[in-house]
N, C-alpha and C. Protein backbone atom coordinates (compact mmCIF):
# COMPACT_ATOMS: atom_id res chain seq x y z
N MET A 1 0.54 -1.36 -0.19
CA MET A 1 -0.34 0.32 0.28
C MET A 1 0.84 1.26 0.14
N THR A 2 0.42 2.12 -0.99
CA THR A 2 1.41 3.40 -0.90
C THR A 2 1.04 4.04 0.18
N LYS A 3 1.45 5.18 0.65
CA LYS A 3 1.24 6.20 1.44
C LYS A 3 0.00 6.63 1.32
N THR A 4 -0.52 6.96 0.09
CA THR A 4 -1.31 7.40 0.19
C THR A 4 -3.16 7.14 0.12
N GLU A 5 -2.66 5.40 -0.08
CA GLU A 5 -3.95 4.76 0.25
C GLU A 5 -3.97 4.32 1.51
N LYS A 6 -3.07 4.13 2.08
CA LYS A 6 -2.83 3.90 3.91
C LYS A 6 -3.63 5.03 3.89
N VAL A 7 -3.43 6.27 3.95
CA VAL A 7 -4.37 7.78 4.18
C VAL A 7 -5.85 7.18 4.25
N ASN A 8 -6.18 7.27 2.70
CA ASN A 8 -7.37 6.79 2.41
C ASN A 8 -8.15 6.10 3.34
N PHE A 9 -7.17 4.65 3.16
CA PHE A 9 -7.98 4.06 3.87
C PHE A 9 -8.26 3.62 5.51
N ALA A 10 -7.32 4.37 6.43
CA ALA A 10 -7.62 5.13 7.62
C ALA A 10 -8.85 5.91 7.39
N ILE A 11 -9.26 6.74 6.66
CA ILE A 11 -10.00 7.98 6.65
C ILE A 11 -11.24 7.55 6.70
N ASN A 12 -11.28 6.48 5.45
CA ASN A 12 -12.66 5.61 4.96
C ASN A 12 -13.01 4.98 6.79
N LYS A 13 -11.93 4.35 6.94
CA LYS A 13 -12.67 3.46 8.17
C LYS A 13 -13.12 4.33 9.40
N LEU A 14 -12.20 5.66 9.28
CA LEU A 14 -13.14 6.44 10.45
C LEU A 14 -14.12 7.13 10.04
N LYS A 15 -14.70 7.00 8.95
CA LYS A 15 -15.83 7.75 8.64
C LYS A 15 -17.06 6.96 8.76
N GLU A 16 -16.66 5.19 8.52
CA GLU A 16 -17.32 4.10 8.77
C GLU A 16 -17.83 4.12 10.50
N LEU A 17 -17.30 3.66 11.23
CA LEU A 17 -17.01 3.81 12.47
C LEU A 17 -17.66 4.72 13.07
N TYR A 18 -17.45 6.27 12.70
CA TYR A 18 -17.72 7.65 13.38
C TYR A 18 -18.51 8.21 12.38
N PRO A 19 -19.70 7.55 12.29
CA PRO A 19 -20.52 8.59 10.97
C PRO A 19 -20.80 10.36 11.62
N THR A 20 -21.60 9.81 12.76
CA THR A 20 -21.97 10.89 13.50
C THR A 20 -20.83 10.76 15.66
N ILE A 21 -20.44 12.45 14.82
CA ILE A 21 -18.95 11.86 15.90
C ILE A 21 -19.51 12.94 17.49
N PRO A 22 -19.24 12.19 18.51
CA PRO A 22 -19.85 12.68 19.63
C PRO A 22 -18.46 13.78 20.24
N VAL A 23 -19.30 15.11 20.67
CA VAL A 23 -17.65 15.65 21.34
C VAL A 23 -17.47 15.58 22.96
N PRO A 24 -16.16 15.18 22.74
CA PRO A 24 -15.80 14.76 24.46
C PRO A 24 -16.05 15.29 24.98
N LEU A 25 -15.77 16.90 25.19
CA LEU A 25 -15.97 17.74 26.16
C LEU A 25 -17.35 18.60 25.97
N GLU A 26 -18.37 18.20 27.38
CA GLU A 26 -19.84 19.01 27.15
C GLU A 26 -19.83 20.91 27.57
N HIS A 27 -20.31 21.36 26.38
CA HIS A 27 -20.58 22.41 26.72
C HIS A 27 -21.10 23.53 26.02
N LYS A 28 -21.80 24.73 26.18
CA LYS A 28 -22.77 25.28 25.18
C LYS A 28 -22.76 25.91 24.39
N ASP A 29 -21.41 26.93 24.49
CA ASP A 29 -20.87 27.56 23.65
C ASP A 29 -19.61 27.65 23.84
N PRO A 30 -18.87 29.14 23.03
CA PRO A 30 -17.32 29.05 23.13
C PRO A 30 -16.41 29.36 24.55
N TYR A 31 -17.15 30.12 25.19
CA TYR A 31 -16.70 30.20 26.29
C TYR A 31 -16.66 28.95 27.56
N THR A 32 -17.67 28.07 27.13
CA THR A 32 -17.55 27.22 28.09
C THR A 32 -16.88 25.89 27.47
N LEU A 33 -16.77 26.25 26.41
CA LEU A 33 -15.68 24.87 25.51
C LEU A 33 -14.18 25.88 26.09
N LEU A 34 -14.33 26.58 25.74
CA LEU A 34 -12.66 26.87 26.33
C LEU A 34 -12.01 26.64 27.71
N ILE A 35 -13.29 26.84 28.60
CA ILE A 35 -12.94 26.57 30.10
C ILE A 35 -12.90 24.93 30.35
N ALA A 36 -13.60 24.08 29.37
CA ALA A 36 -13.76 22.26 29.65
C ALA A 36 -12.80 21.99 29.07
N VAL A 37 -11.64 23.12 28.36
CA VAL A 37 -10.78 22.24 27.31
C VAL A 37 -9.03 22.58 28.30
N LEU A 38 -9.82 23.69 28.67
CA LEU A 38 -8.32 24.00 30.18
C LEU A 38 -8.32 23.32 30.93
N LEU A 39 -9.39 23.10 31.35
CA LEU A 39 -9.29 22.00 32.40
C LEU A 39 -9.09 20.58 32.38
N SER A 40 -9.29 20.43 31.18
CA SER A 40 -9.17 19.11 30.18
C SER A 40 -7.38 18.64 30.43
N ALA A 41 -6.69 19.37 30.60
CA ALA A 41 -4.90 19.16 30.44
C ALA A 41 -4.45 18.17 31.76
N GLN A 42 -3.82 17.13 31.48
CA GLN A 42 -3.60 16.24 32.32
C GLN A 42 -5.30 15.82 33.43
N SER A 43 -5.69 15.46 32.45
CA SER A 43 -7.05 14.92 33.49
C SER A 43 -7.72 14.31 32.11
N THR A 44 -9.14 13.94 32.34
CA THR A 44 -9.73 12.78 31.78
C THR A 44 -11.01 13.78 31.27
N ASP A 45 -11.71 13.45 30.33
CA ASP A 45 -13.08 14.33 29.93
C ASP A 45 -13.56 13.89 30.81
N VAL A 46 -13.78 12.87 31.43
CA VAL A 46 -14.81 12.05 31.98
C VAL A 46 -15.07 12.57 33.19
N ARG A 47 -13.96 12.89 34.33
CA ARG A 47 -14.00 13.84 35.16
C ARG A 47 -14.23 15.28 34.70
N VAL A 48 -13.84 15.81 33.90
CA VAL A 48 -14.21 17.11 33.66
C VAL A 48 -15.52 17.60 33.24
N ASN A 49 -16.14 16.58 32.67
CA ASN A 49 -17.56 16.58 32.36
C ASN A 49 -18.37 16.46 33.95
N LYS A 50 -17.99 16.29 34.71
CA LYS A 50 -18.46 15.99 35.83
C LYS A 50 -18.43 16.87 36.57
N ILE A 51 -17.14 17.94 36.50
CA ILE A 51 -16.91 19.13 37.42
C ILE A 51 -17.86 20.01 36.77
N THR A 52 -17.56 20.39 35.44
CA THR A 52 -18.10 21.60 34.89
C THR A 52 -19.31 22.16 35.02
N PRO A 53 -20.57 20.96 35.04
CA PRO A 53 -21.75 21.70 35.28
C PRO A 53 -21.39 22.21 36.75
N LEU A 54 -20.89 21.79 37.64
CA LEU A 54 -21.03 22.50 39.15
C LEU A 54 -20.23 23.12 39.13
N LEU A 55 -19.46 24.10 37.90
CA LEU A 55 -18.71 25.31 37.82
C LEU A 55 -19.53 26.53 37.25
N PHE A 56 -20.05 25.45 35.97
CA PHE A 56 -21.01 26.33 35.24
C PHE A 56 -22.53 26.56 36.04
N GLU A 57 -22.75 26.47 37.14
CA GLU A 57 -24.25 26.55 37.44
C GLU A 57 -24.01 27.79 38.67
N ARG A 58 -22.45 27.93 38.78
CA ARG A 58 -22.02 29.16 39.57
C ARG A 58 -21.95 30.37 38.36
N ALA A 59 -21.10 30.13 37.28
CA ALA A 59 -20.74 30.93 36.29
C ALA A 59 -20.42 30.21 35.01
N ASP A 60 -21.62 30.50 34.07
CA ASP A 60 -21.13 29.87 32.81
C ASP A 60 -20.86 31.22 31.63
N ASN A 61 -20.08 32.04 32.17
CA ASN A 61 -19.45 33.14 31.43
C ASN A 61 -18.81 34.09 31.79
N PRO A 62 -17.87 34.66 31.12
CA PRO A 62 -16.43 35.93 32.00
C PRO A 62 -17.04 36.65 33.34
N TYR A 63 -18.30 37.24 33.08
CA TYR A 63 -19.11 38.40 33.67
C TYR A 63 -19.33 37.51 35.21
N ASP A 64 -19.86 36.26 35.13
CA ASP A 64 -20.30 35.69 36.47
C ASP A 64 -18.98 35.42 36.95
N MET A 65 -17.78 35.01 36.01
CA MET A 65 -16.81 34.01 36.46
C MET A 65 -15.86 35.05 37.56
N VAL A 66 -16.23 36.57 37.02
CA VAL A 66 -14.70 36.84 37.59
C VAL A 66 -15.30 37.26 39.32
N LYS A 67 -16.69 37.18 39.27
CA LYS A 67 -17.63 37.51 40.57
C LYS A 67 -16.78 36.60 41.62
N LEU A 68 -16.50 35.36 41.14
CA LEU A 68 -16.00 34.24 41.97
C LEU A 68 -14.11 34.56 42.60
N THR A 69 -14.26 34.38 43.11
CA THR A 69 -12.60 34.25 43.91
C THR A 69 -11.58 33.88 43.06
N VAL A 70 -10.35 33.35 43.15
CA VAL A 70 -9.92 32.39 42.25
C VAL A 70 -10.29 31.35 43.45
N GLU A 71 -10.00 31.59 44.70
CA GLU A 71 -9.89 30.63 45.34
C GLU A 71 -11.13 29.80 45.66
N GLU A 72 -12.33 30.32 45.02
CA GLU A 72 -13.41 29.98 45.03
C GLU A 72 -13.81 28.84 43.80
N ILE A 73 -13.23 29.29 42.28
CA ILE A 73 -12.88 28.52 41.31
C ILE A 73 -12.01 27.45 41.59
N ARG A 74 -10.86 27.75 42.41
CA ARG A 74 -10.22 26.63 42.47
C ARG A 74 -10.71 25.44 43.48
N GLU A 75 -11.95 25.76 44.50
CA GLU A 75 -12.30 24.44 45.51
C GLU A 75 -13.38 23.73 44.54
N ILE A 76 -14.05 24.42 43.86
CA ILE A 76 -14.46 23.57 42.79
C ILE A 76 -14.06 22.58 41.67
N ILE A 77 -12.95 23.10 41.28
CA ILE A 77 -12.11 22.61 40.01
C ILE A 77 -11.07 21.52 40.95
N LYS A 78 -11.06 21.25 41.81
CA LYS A 78 -10.00 20.93 42.45
C LYS A 78 -9.87 19.42 42.02
N PRO A 79 -11.06 18.52 41.81
CA PRO A 79 -10.50 16.97 41.71
C PRO A 79 -10.18 16.86 39.98
N VAL A 80 -10.34 17.79 39.16
CA VAL A 80 -9.54 17.38 37.92
C VAL A 80 -8.12 17.92 37.78
N GLY A 81 -7.30 18.16 38.87
CA GLY A 81 -5.97 18.46 38.85
C GLY A 81 -5.50 19.93 38.51
N LEU A 82 -4.34 20.14 38.85
CA LEU A 82 -3.85 21.17 38.57
C LEU A 82 -4.24 22.91 38.97
N SER A 83 -5.42 22.23 39.97
CA SER A 83 -6.11 23.17 40.20
C SER A 83 -5.67 24.96 40.87
N PRO A 84 -4.45 24.85 41.39
CA PRO A 84 -4.04 26.61 41.45
C PRO A 84 -3.55 27.75 40.17
N MET A 85 -3.05 26.41 38.96
CA MET A 85 -2.98 27.48 37.93
C MET A 85 -3.79 27.31 37.15
N LYS A 86 -4.94 26.27 36.91
CA LYS A 86 -6.27 26.37 36.41
C LYS A 86 -7.32 27.50 36.65
N SER A 87 -7.20 27.81 38.12
CA SER A 87 -8.15 29.06 38.53
C SER A 87 -7.52 29.87 38.37
N LYS A 88 -6.26 30.23 38.42
CA LYS A 88 -5.78 31.36 37.91
C LYS A 88 -5.78 32.09 36.40
N GLY A 89 -5.54 30.80 35.98
CA GLY A 89 -5.91 30.86 34.27
C GLY A 89 -7.55 31.44 34.07
N ILE A 90 -8.43 30.44 34.92
CA ILE A 90 -9.53 30.83 34.30
C ILE A 90 -10.07 32.47 34.47
N TYR A 91 -9.85 32.87 35.91
CA TYR A 91 -9.94 33.63 36.67
C TYR A 91 -9.06 35.10 35.28
N GLY A 92 -8.04 35.24 35.09
CA GLY A 92 -7.29 35.52 34.33
C GLY A 92 -8.00 35.67 32.89
N LEU A 93 -7.96 34.96 32.43
CA LEU A 93 -8.83 35.04 30.72
C LEU A 93 -10.27 35.59 30.61
N SER A 94 -10.94 35.40 31.90
CA SER A 94 -12.09 35.84 31.78
C SER A 94 -12.29 37.18 32.23
N GLN A 95 -11.44 37.78 32.86
CA GLN A 95 -11.19 39.08 32.86
C GLN A 95 -10.49 39.67 31.84
N ILE A 96 -9.86 39.33 31.07
CA ILE A 96 -9.03 39.62 29.55
C ILE A 96 -10.17 39.97 28.58
N LEU A 97 -10.91 38.66 28.69
CA LEU A 97 -12.00 38.58 27.63
C LEU A 97 -13.45 39.85 27.86
N ILE A 98 -13.50 40.15 29.01
CA ILE A 98 -14.36 41.29 29.78
C ILE A 98 -13.49 42.64 28.83
N ASP A 99 -12.59 42.99 29.41
CA ASP A 99 -11.47 43.68 28.80
C ASP A 99 -11.16 44.58 27.54
N LYS A 100 -11.27 43.18 26.70
CA LYS A 100 -10.50 43.36 25.49
C LYS A 100 -11.54 42.88 24.66
N TYR A 101 -12.19 42.01 24.81
CA TYR A 101 -13.54 41.12 23.49
C TYR A 101 -14.70 41.11 23.84
N GLN A 102 -14.82 42.35 24.99
CA GLN A 102 -16.66 42.78 25.33
C GLN A 102 -17.21 41.44 25.55
N GLY A 103 -16.45 40.20 26.54
CA GLY A 103 -16.75 38.83 26.84
C GLY A 103 -17.19 37.99 25.83
N GLN A 104 -16.60 37.88 24.76
CA GLN A 104 -16.58 37.11 23.80
C GLN A 104 -15.40 36.60 23.53
N VAL A 105 -15.44 35.07 23.08
CA VAL A 105 -14.32 34.22 22.63
C VAL A 105 -13.71 34.70 21.67
N PRO A 106 -12.22 35.38 21.34
CA PRO A 106 -11.99 35.65 20.27
C PRO A 106 -11.69 34.44 18.92
N GLN A 107 -11.89 34.46 17.50
CA GLN A 107 -12.20 32.95 17.03
C GLN A 107 -10.63 33.04 15.96
N ASP A 108 -9.90 33.71 16.70
CA ASP A 108 -8.11 33.53 16.30
C ASP A 108 -7.26 33.08 17.54
N ILE A 109 -6.71 31.64 16.37
CA ILE A 109 -5.93 30.73 17.46
C ILE A 109 -4.75 31.98 18.02
N ASP A 110 -3.80 32.86 17.28
CA ASP A 110 -2.94 33.77 18.24
C ASP A 110 -3.38 34.31 19.30
N LEU A 111 -4.82 35.12 19.02
CA LEU A 111 -5.13 35.80 20.03
C LEU A 111 -5.64 35.30 21.37
N LEU A 112 -6.28 33.69 20.91
CA LEU A 112 -6.96 32.87 21.95
C LEU A 112 -5.27 32.74 23.02
N GLU A 113 -4.09 32.18 21.93
CA GLU A 113 -3.04 32.27 22.88
C GLU A 113 -2.45 32.36 23.66
N GLU A 114 -2.57 33.93 23.44
CA GLU A 114 -2.37 34.75 24.54
C GLU A 114 -3.15 35.14 26.09
N LEU A 115 -4.29 34.14 26.01
CA LEU A 115 -4.83 33.85 27.25
C LEU A 115 -3.86 33.55 28.10
N PRO A 116 -4.02 33.54 29.53
CA PRO A 116 -3.34 32.79 30.37
C PRO A 116 -4.03 31.38 30.23
N SER A 117 -2.95 30.29 30.46
CA SER A 117 -3.04 29.15 30.36
C SER A 117 -4.00 28.26 29.50
N VAL A 118 -3.24 29.29 28.01
CA VAL A 118 -4.18 28.79 27.02
C VAL A 118 -3.60 28.25 25.65
N GLY A 119 -2.91 26.87 25.71
CA GLY A 119 -2.11 26.73 24.84
C GLY A 119 -2.53 26.46 23.52
N HIS A 120 -1.63 25.71 22.09
CA HIS A 120 -1.77 25.77 20.58
C HIS A 120 -2.87 24.62 21.07
N LYS A 121 -2.81 23.84 21.79
CA LYS A 121 -3.63 22.97 21.64
C LYS A 121 -5.26 23.10 21.87
N THR A 122 -5.12 24.02 23.18
CA THR A 122 -6.42 24.91 23.54
C THR A 122 -7.21 25.26 22.75
N ALA A 123 -6.45 26.31 21.59
CA ALA A 123 -6.76 27.29 20.77
C ALA A 123 -6.94 26.61 20.04
N SER A 124 -6.58 25.39 19.46
CA SER A 124 -6.90 25.10 18.06
C SER A 124 -8.65 24.63 18.12
N VAL A 125 -8.48 23.47 19.66
CA VAL A 125 -9.91 22.91 20.06
C VAL A 125 -11.09 24.05 19.46
N VAL A 126 -10.76 24.87 20.55
CA VAL A 126 -11.76 26.07 20.33
C VAL A 126 -12.49 26.57 18.84
N VAL A 127 -11.10 26.80 18.12
CA VAL A 127 -11.30 27.38 16.96
C VAL A 127 -12.17 26.23 16.34
N SER A 128 -11.73 24.89 16.11
CA SER A 128 -12.28 23.93 15.29
C SER A 128 -13.62 23.61 15.75
N GLN A 129 -13.99 23.29 16.90
CA GLN A 129 -15.40 22.65 17.68
C GLN A 129 -16.21 24.08 17.84
N ALA A 130 -15.69 25.22 18.54
CA ALA A 130 -16.65 26.24 18.48
C ALA A 130 -17.02 26.73 17.23
N PHE A 131 -16.10 27.31 16.48
CA PHE A 131 -16.12 28.14 15.74
C PHE A 131 -16.36 27.45 13.80
N GLY A 132 -15.95 26.16 13.75
CA GLY A 132 -15.91 25.56 12.59
C GLY A 132 -14.77 25.92 11.52
N ILE A 133 -14.17 26.33 12.43
CA ILE A 133 -12.22 26.51 11.85
C ILE A 133 -11.69 25.76 11.39
N PRO A 134 -11.13 25.31 10.15
CA PRO A 134 -10.00 23.88 10.17
C PRO A 134 -8.59 24.05 11.18
N ALA A 135 -8.70 22.93 12.01
CA ALA A 135 -7.79 22.95 12.56
C ALA A 135 -7.33 21.76 12.91
N PHE A 136 -5.81 21.46 13.73
CA PHE A 136 -5.69 20.00 14.08
C PHE A 136 -5.47 19.80 15.47
N PRO A 137 -5.91 19.72 16.49
CA PRO A 137 -5.32 19.45 17.48
C PRO A 137 -4.86 18.03 18.00
N VAL A 138 -3.56 18.03 18.41
CA VAL A 138 -3.43 17.00 18.39
C VAL A 138 -3.31 16.92 19.78
N ASP A 139 -3.53 15.40 20.42
CA ASP A 139 -3.37 15.18 21.82
C ASP A 139 -2.76 13.82 22.14
N THR A 140 -2.91 13.05 23.04
CA THR A 140 -1.96 12.29 23.29
C THR A 140 -2.32 11.00 22.29
N HIS A 141 -3.85 10.77 22.11
CA HIS A 141 -4.44 9.76 20.81
C HIS A 141 -3.63 9.92 20.00
N ILE A 142 -3.92 11.25 19.35
CA ILE A 142 -3.46 11.45 17.71
C ILE A 142 -1.92 11.42 17.59
N HIS A 143 -1.21 11.89 18.35
CA HIS A 143 0.28 11.41 18.67
C HIS A 143 0.63 10.14 18.65
N ARG A 144 0.06 9.13 19.41
CA ARG A 144 0.01 8.31 19.72
C ARG A 144 -0.11 7.30 18.11
N LEU A 145 -1.38 7.29 17.78
CA LEU A 145 -1.99 6.67 16.08
C LEU A 145 -1.21 7.32 15.21
N MET A 146 -0.85 8.84 15.28
CA MET A 146 -0.33 8.84 13.68
C MET A 146 1.40 8.17 13.75
N TYR A 147 1.98 8.13 14.94
CA TYR A 147 3.25 6.89 15.00
C TYR A 147 2.73 6.06 14.96
N ARG A 148 1.82 5.13 15.00
CA ARG A 148 1.48 3.59 15.09
C ARG A 148 1.10 3.33 13.68
N TRP A 149 0.06 4.06 12.95
CA TRP A 149 0.22 3.97 11.31
C TRP A 149 1.48 4.55 10.21
N GLY A 150 2.38 5.47 11.15
CA GLY A 150 3.64 5.30 9.93
C GLY A 150 3.16 7.31 9.37
N PHE A 151 2.43 7.38 10.00
CA PHE A 151 2.20 8.79 9.42
C PHE A 151 3.20 10.01 10.31
N SER A 152 3.37 9.48 11.13
CA SER A 152 4.55 10.77 11.72
C SER A 152 5.52 10.07 12.56
N ASN A 153 6.32 10.85 13.03
CA ASN A 153 7.98 10.44 13.68
C ASN A 153 7.89 9.93 14.87
N GLY A 154 6.49 10.38 15.49
CA GLY A 154 6.01 10.55 17.20
C GLY A 154 7.39 11.60 17.72
N LYS A 155 8.47 12.18 17.19
CA LYS A 155 9.28 12.97 17.90
C LYS A 155 8.37 13.93 18.62
N ASN A 156 7.70 15.11 18.21
CA ASN A 156 6.77 15.59 18.93
C ASN A 156 5.27 15.99 18.63
N VAL A 157 4.67 16.61 19.48
CA VAL A 157 3.30 17.22 18.92
C VAL A 157 3.30 18.28 18.15
N VAL A 158 4.35 18.88 17.82
CA VAL A 158 4.32 20.22 16.60
C VAL A 158 4.72 19.38 15.08
N GLN A 159 5.34 18.50 15.16
CA GLN A 159 5.98 17.66 14.42
C GLN A 159 4.45 16.90 13.50
N THR A 160 3.78 16.33 14.33
CA THR A 160 2.59 15.40 14.38
C THR A 160 1.34 16.35 13.83
N GLU A 161 1.33 17.74 14.23
CA GLU A 161 0.63 18.13 13.91
C GLU A 161 0.73 18.89 12.49
N LYS A 162 2.13 19.08 11.95
CA LYS A 162 2.33 19.46 10.45
C LYS A 162 1.96 17.84 9.83
N ASP A 163 2.64 17.12 10.18
CA ASP A 163 2.20 15.61 9.38
C ASP A 163 0.80 15.61 9.22
N ALA A 164 -0.06 15.49 9.97
CA ALA A 164 -1.64 15.50 9.87
C ALA A 164 -2.20 16.33 8.84
N LYS A 165 -1.54 17.78 9.06
CA LYS A 165 -1.94 18.49 8.29
C LYS A 165 -1.84 18.88 6.68
N ARG A 166 -0.51 18.33 6.53
CA ARG A 166 0.19 17.91 5.40
C ARG A 166 -0.54 16.72 4.50
N LEU A 167 -0.70 15.51 5.17
CA LEU A 167 -1.13 14.30 5.08
C LEU A 167 -2.92 14.28 4.64
N PHE A 168 -3.54 15.16 5.42
CA PHE A 168 -5.19 14.80 5.57
C PHE A 168 -5.84 16.12 4.98
N PRO A 169 -6.76 16.16 4.31
CA PRO A 169 -7.76 17.05 3.21
C PRO A 169 -7.76 17.93 4.68
N LYS A 170 -7.63 19.24 4.13
CA LYS A 170 -8.50 20.19 5.48
C LYS A 170 -9.79 20.33 5.69
N GLU A 171 -10.33 20.25 4.38
CA GLU A 171 -11.86 20.09 4.86
C GLU A 171 -12.15 19.21 5.94
N LEU A 172 -11.50 18.39 5.97
CA LEU A 172 -11.36 17.11 6.87
C LEU A 172 -10.98 17.05 8.60
N TRP A 173 -10.18 18.06 8.64
CA TRP A 173 -9.64 18.23 9.63
C TRP A 173 -10.29 18.45 10.92
N ASN A 174 -11.77 19.22 10.64
CA ASN A 174 -12.18 19.45 12.10
C ASN A 174 -13.12 18.16 12.60
N ASP A 175 -13.26 17.18 11.73
CA ASP A 175 -14.21 15.62 12.16
C ASP A 175 -13.10 14.78 12.20
N LEU A 176 -11.80 14.91 11.60
CA LEU A 176 -11.05 13.56 11.83
C LEU A 176 -9.96 13.92 12.98
N HIS A 177 -9.98 14.97 13.21
CA HIS A 177 -9.34 14.63 14.97
C HIS A 177 -9.86 14.33 15.71
N LEU A 178 -11.34 14.76 15.91
CA LEU A 178 -11.90 13.95 16.60
C LEU A 178 -12.32 12.35 16.45
N GLN A 179 -12.73 12.12 15.20
CA GLN A 179 -12.43 10.52 14.86
C GLN A 179 -11.71 9.66 15.34
N ILE A 180 -10.50 10.23 15.18
CA ILE A 180 -9.10 9.60 15.93
C ILE A 180 -8.86 9.27 17.12
N ILE A 181 -9.29 10.50 17.79
CA ILE A 181 -9.30 10.44 19.39
C ILE A 181 -10.63 9.67 19.80
N TRP A 182 -11.20 9.36 19.20
CA TRP A 182 -12.06 8.23 19.79
C TRP A 182 -12.08 7.12 19.29
N TYR A 183 -11.22 6.72 18.27
CA TYR A 183 -10.56 5.30 17.42
C TYR A 183 -9.60 5.09 18.76
N GLY A 184 -8.45 6.27 18.76
CA GLY A 184 -7.36 6.07 19.61
C GLY A 184 -8.35 5.03 21.37
N ARG A 185 -9.12 5.64 21.63
CA ARG A 185 -10.13 5.18 23.20
C ARG A 185 -10.61 4.11 23.03
N ASP A 186 -11.22 3.70 21.42
CA ASP A 186 -11.99 2.41 21.72
C ASP A 186 -11.12 1.56 21.46
N TYR A 187 -10.29 1.69 20.51
CA TYR A 187 -9.47 0.49 19.49
C TYR A 187 -8.15 0.26 19.55
N SER A 188 -7.69 1.50 20.01
CA SER A 188 -5.72 1.96 19.99
C SER A 188 -5.53 2.64 21.18
N PRO A 189 -5.83 1.88 22.12
CA PRO A 189 -5.28 2.69 23.33
C PRO A 189 -3.77 2.37 23.92
N ALA A 190 -3.30 3.40 24.55
CA ALA A 190 -1.77 3.07 25.20
C ALA A 190 -1.39 2.15 25.97
N ARG A 191 -2.66 1.53 26.65
CA ARG A 191 -2.62 0.47 27.82
C ARG A 191 -3.92 -0.56 27.51
N GLY A 192 -3.11 -1.94 27.66
CA GLY A 192 -4.14 -2.81 27.19
C GLY A 192 -4.90 -3.01 26.04
N TRP A 193 -4.04 -2.45 24.88
CA TRP A 193 -4.05 -2.44 23.62
C TRP A 193 -4.66 -3.75 22.90
N ASN A 194 -5.30 -4.44 21.71
CA ASN A 194 -5.37 -5.41 21.20
C ASN A 194 -5.81 -5.17 20.03
N LEU A 195 -4.44 -5.63 19.42
CA LEU A 195 -3.98 -5.34 18.10
C LEU A 195 -5.45 -6.46 17.01
N GLU A 196 -6.05 -7.09 17.64
CA GLU A 196 -7.22 -8.00 16.83
C GLU A 196 -8.02 -7.27 16.79
N LYS A 197 -8.70 -6.47 17.60
CA LYS A 197 -9.63 -4.90 17.31
C LYS A 197 -9.43 -4.01 16.40
N ASP A 198 -7.98 -3.89 16.68
CA ASP A 198 -7.26 -2.62 15.79
C ASP A 198 -7.25 -2.33 14.19
N ILE A 199 -8.11 -2.40 13.89
CA ILE A 199 -8.18 -3.03 12.17
C ILE A 199 -6.93 -1.85 11.65
N ILE A 200 -7.21 -0.62 11.90
CA ILE A 200 -6.21 0.49 10.98
C ILE A 200 -5.03 0.05 11.40
N THR A 201 -4.59 0.03 12.67
CA THR A 201 -2.95 -0.34 12.86
C THR A 201 -2.76 -1.97 12.55
N ARG A 202 -3.77 -2.44 12.30
CA ARG A 202 -3.34 -3.83 12.35
C ARG A 202 -2.89 -4.28 10.44
N THR A 203 -3.88 -3.34 9.55
CA THR A 203 -3.71 -3.43 8.16
C THR A 203 -2.82 -2.27 7.84
N ILE A 204 -2.30 -0.85 8.54
CA ILE A 204 -1.40 -0.02 7.48
C ILE A 204 -0.41 0.40 8.84
N GLY A 205 -0.31 -0.69 10.31
CA GLY A 205 0.13 0.40 11.08
C GLY A 205 1.94 0.04 10.57
N ARG A 206 2.81 0.83 11.21
CA ARG A 206 4.25 0.84 10.95
C ARG A 206 4.69 -0.45 11.30
N LYS A 207 5.64 -0.98 10.68
CA LYS A 207 6.19 -2.61 10.98
C LYS A 207 6.80 -2.58 12.01
N LYS A 208 7.66 -2.03 12.46
CA LYS A 208 8.43 -1.80 13.62
C LYS A 208 7.03 -2.03 14.93
N VAL A 209 6.16 -1.15 14.69
CA VAL A 209 5.59 -1.18 15.62
C VAL A 209 4.52 -2.63 15.94
N LEU A 210 4.39 -3.07 14.85
CA LEU A 210 3.36 -4.42 14.68
C LEU A 210 4.16 -5.39 15.23
N GLU A 211 5.90 -5.34 15.07
CA GLU A 211 6.90 -6.42 15.51
C GLU A 211 6.75 -6.31 16.95
N GLU A 212 6.93 -5.07 17.72
CA GLU A 212 7.27 -5.07 18.74
C GLU A 212 6.03 -5.56 20.12
N TYR A 213 4.80 -5.24 18.92
CA TYR A 213 3.79 -5.95 19.58
C TYR A 213 3.60 -7.67 19.66
N TYR A 214 3.84 -7.79 18.42
CA TYR A 214 3.78 -9.34 18.35
C TYR A 214 4.99 -9.66 19.40
N LYS A 215 6.36 -9.24 19.51
CA LYS A 215 6.95 -9.69 20.23
C LYS A 215 6.87 -9.80 22.12
N THR A 216 5.90 -8.58 22.06
CA THR A 216 5.68 -8.01 23.47
C THR A 216 4.85 -9.61 24.03
N LYS A 217 3.81 -9.51 23.27
CA LYS A 217 2.59 -10.74 23.02
C LYS A 217 3.36 -12.17 23.52
N LYS A 218 4.37 -12.52 22.32
CA LYS A 218 5.09 -13.98 22.82
C LYS A 218 5.65 -13.62 24.00
N THR A 219 6.18 -12.82 24.90
CA THR A 219 7.25 -13.16 26.08
C THR A 219 5.90 -13.03 27.13
N ARG A 220 4.83 -12.36 26.94
CA ARG A 220 4.05 -12.94 28.24
C ARG A 220 3.54 -14.09 28.05
N LYS A 221 3.19 -14.76 26.93
CA LYS A 221 2.68 -16.26 27.00
C LYS A 221 3.09 -16.91 28.24
C-alpha cells in the first residue's frame, strides 16, 4: 500500500466507524468550551464533564466568573488536578475577555494563545469545535496513532500536527481529529491494546510497531 492508499484507508474506516461524532467535552458555547478544554489538561474528559456542571452553575460566562474569587474557582475544580494554575488561568482569561473582547471568545488562534493557561492545543480545539475553523489539535491519542500508523515520526506533537495537516485534506481536519481520538480510546489505547480489534493499525501500521507488539505478546505467554 502506498502512503496515499494508507491515508485513504484510515479516513474511510474512521468515517465508517464514526459517521456521527460525539464531542468529548460537554459545553454550550465558545466560552464554556474554552474553560472545559483548559480544565482537561492532564485530566480525563470524564472527570471534567463531572466538574463543569458544578462550575457553570455558578458561572457560565466571564462576567459571572470574575465575581468568584480564584480560591472559590479552585475549590470547585480541585478534582480535575492542577487546580492552582487552572483557577488563576480561568479567572485571568475571563477578565481579559471582558476588558478586551466585550466578553466574547476571539476566533483567532493567535489571540486565544495570548490568554492565560491557553496553549496551542486548547486554542486549536476552540476554533475548530466552537467556530468550525479548520485546525488539527493533537492530543495523546492522535500523537500515538499517527506514529503507529506510520504517518509521523513520533518526535513531538508539533511535528505530528504538521504531518497531519500535510497528509489529510483540510476540509476533513475538524471531524478527523475527533474521529481519531475516539478510535484511539475505543480500539487503539496506550494500555491494554488488542491489535485484533485495532483494524487500522493491523492493516496499515508501522512495521516496527507491529513487530514490537507481537514480540511483547509472545514474551507474555
